[in-house]
Amino acid sequence: MSEAATQKFVLCSAVFITLGILAFSGDAQAQGQSPTPAAPAAPAAASPPDLSGNYQCKPNPDPCLWSGDSASISQSGNMLQIKGTNGAAADAMLTSDTTISASATFNSIGIIRPDHSIDWSDGTKWSKQ
């Protein structure tokens, strides 16, 4: 193959590669069709449930050892601070609208009921006062 033919081949290959890259880098759209409208914006996220307040601990079936007879929850967004009447305290986080994950020292998972009572994985139930 002559030098001129080699240069022509390299040039044609470069053009085809560039066209291929350009064809796949943009939005694909068939000829004669209008662009697809953008999907509607997702609705704004609902605010988390309000769990701030005082709770009465009820054995269910285990005794209320961690918190004592009652506890309080303060809330800022999805972050919670839990304090028992016996002085125990723990940070926690709303992991969904129906679940709480409490860190050490409490180290429990809570399920939020529709009445805002909480069933904890340590076997207790807290009822909002």
Protein backbone atom coordinates (compact mmCIF):
# COMPACT_ATOMS: atom_id res chain seq x y z
CA MET A 1 0.00 0.00 0.00
CA SER A 2 1.43 3.38 -0.97
CA GLU A 3 2.03 6.19 1.53
CA ALA A 4 -0.84 8.26 0.03
CA ALA A 5 -3.23 5.32 0.31
CA THR A 6 -2.21 4.73 3.94
CA GLN A 7 -2.80 8.40 4.82
CA LYS A 8 -6.20 8.30 3.08
CA PHE A 9 -7.14 5.14 5.02
CA VAL A 10 -6.08 6.68 8.37
CA LEU A 11 -7.99 9.90 7.60
CA CYS A 12 -11.17 8.02 6.64
CA SER A 13 -10.91 5.85 9.76
CA ALA A 14 -10.54 8.95 11.96
CA VAL A 15 -13.60 10.55 10.34
CA PHE A 16 -15.73 7.43 10.87
CA ILE A 17 -14.64 7.09 14.50
CA THR A 18 -15.37 10.77 15.16
CA LEU A 19 -18.82 10.50 13.56
CA GLY A 20 -19.55 7.40 15.61
CA ILE A 21 -18.58 9.15 18.85
CA LEU A 22 -20.73 12.16 17.97
CA ALA A 23 -23.69 9.96 17.07
CA PHE A 24 -23.66 8.17 20.42
CA SER A 25 -22.78 11.14 22.63
CA GLY A 26 -25.98 13.14 21.96
CA ASP A 27 -29.59 12.26 22.69
CA ALA A 28 -30.92 9.70 20.23
CA GLN A 29 -33.96 10.90 18.33
CA ALA A 30 -35.64 9.40 15.29
CA GLN A 31 -36.15 11.65 12.28
CA GLY A 32 -39.51 13.39 12.10
CA GLN A 33 -40.28 12.96 15.79
CA SER A 34 -40.49 15.78 18.28
CA PRO A 35 -38.39 15.52 21.42
CA THR A 36 -39.88 13.60 24.32
CA PRO A 37 -41.06 15.99 27.05
CA ALA A 38 -39.19 15.86 30.33
CA ALA A 39 -40.70 13.81 33.11
CA PRO A 40 -42.62 15.88 35.66
CA ALA A 41 -40.65 16.89 38.71
CA ALA A 42 -40.98 14.58 41.69
CA PRO A 43 -43.17 15.94 44.46
CA ALA A 44 -41.37 17.53 47.38
CA ALA A 45 -40.45 15.06 50.09
CA ALA A 46 -42.90 14.99 52.95
CA SER A 47 -41.62 16.19 56.28
CA PRO A 48 -40.68 13.44 58.74
CA PRO A 49 -43.16 12.47 61.45
CA ASP A 50 -43.00 14.65 64.57
CA LEU A 51 -41.74 12.44 67.37
CA SER A 52 -40.74 15.22 69.77
CA GLY A 53 -42.26 14.84 73.19
CA ASN A 54 -42.54 12.67 76.25
CA TYR A 55 -43.14 8.93 76.16
CA GLN A 56 -44.28 6.42 78.75
CA CYS A 57 -42.34 3.17 78.58
CA LYS A 58 -44.45 0.02 78.84
CA PRO A 59 -42.95 -3.45 79.21
CA ASN A 60 -43.83 -5.34 76.04
CA PRO A 61 -42.78 -8.01 77.19
CA ASP A 62 -39.38 -6.85 78.56
CA PRO A 63 -38.98 -4.33 81.40
CA CYS A 64 -37.99 -0.71 80.71
CA LEU A 65 -34.36 -1.00 81.79
CA TRP A 66 -32.70 1.44 79.37
CA SER A 67 -35.00 4.46 79.72
CA GLY A 68 -36.65 3.99 83.06
CA ASP A 69 -40.39 4.62 83.35
CA SER A 70 -40.42 7.38 80.73
CA ALA A 71 -38.29 9.04 78.09
CA SER A 72 -38.25 12.19 75.99
CA ILE A 73 -37.35 12.68 72.34
CA SER A 74 -36.14 15.93 70.83
CA GLN A 75 -36.03 16.14 67.05
CA SER A 76 -34.31 18.17 64.37
CA GLY A 77 -35.29 16.88 60.93
CA ASN A 78 -34.36 13.19 60.82
CA MET A 79 -32.01 13.41 63.80
CA LEU A 80 -33.30 12.49 67.26
CA GLN A 81 -31.95 12.81 70.80
CA ILE A 82 -33.45 10.31 73.25
CA LYS A 83 -33.20 10.80 77.02
CA GLY A 84 -34.49 8.45 79.71
CA THR A 85 -35.64 9.57 83.14
CA ASN A 86 -32.83 7.45 84.58
CA GLY A 87 -30.22 9.67 82.86
CA ALA A 88 -29.54 7.46 79.84
CA ALA A 89 -29.14 9.29 76.52
CA ALA A 90 -28.69 8.20 72.90
CA ASP A 91 -28.63 9.71 69.44
CA ALA A 92 -30.97 8.23 66.88
CA MET A 93 -32.04 8.74 63.29
CA LEU A 94 -35.30 8.34 61.42
CA THR A 95 -34.37 5.84 58.73
CA SER A 96 -37.84 6.10 57.16
CA ASP A 97 -41.25 7.49 58.12
CA THR A 98 -41.86 4.31 60.12
CA THR A 99 -38.44 3.29 61.49
CA ILE A 100 -35.84 4.64 63.92
CA SER A 101 -32.28 3.48 64.44
CA ALA A 102 -30.88 4.37 67.87
CA SER A 103 -27.14 4.24 68.43
CA ALA A 104 -25.25 3.18 71.53
CA THR A 105 -26.06 3.32 74.40
CA PHE A 106 -29.62 2.33 73.48
CA ASN A 107 -28.66 0.36 70.35
CA SER A 108 -32.21 -0.49 69.28
CA ILE A 109 -34.45 -0.32 66.21
CA GLY A 110 -37.88 1.25 66.61
CA ILE A 111 -41.05 0.86 64.57
CA ILE A 112 -43.27 3.94 64.62
CA ARG A 113 -46.96 3.13 64.84
CA PRO A 114 -49.74 5.37 63.40
CA ASP A 115 -50.50 6.73 66.90
CA HIS A 116 -46.76 7.68 67.18
CA SER A 117 -46.10 4.99 69.75
CA ILE A 118 -42.81 3.17 69.19
CA ASP A 119 -42.19 -0.57 69.41
CA TRP A 120 -38.49 -1.08 70.19
CA SER A 121 -36.35 -4.10 69.40
CA ASP A 122 -35.37 -4.29 73.09
CA GLY A 123 -38.90 -5.55 73.83
CA THR A 124 -40.42 -2.30 75.10
CA LYS A 125 -43.17 -0.04 73.78
CA TRP A 126 -43.17 3.73 74.23
CA SER A 127 -46.52 5.54 74.12
CA LYS A 128 -46.52 9.26 73.36
CA GLN A 129 -47.99 11.34 76.21
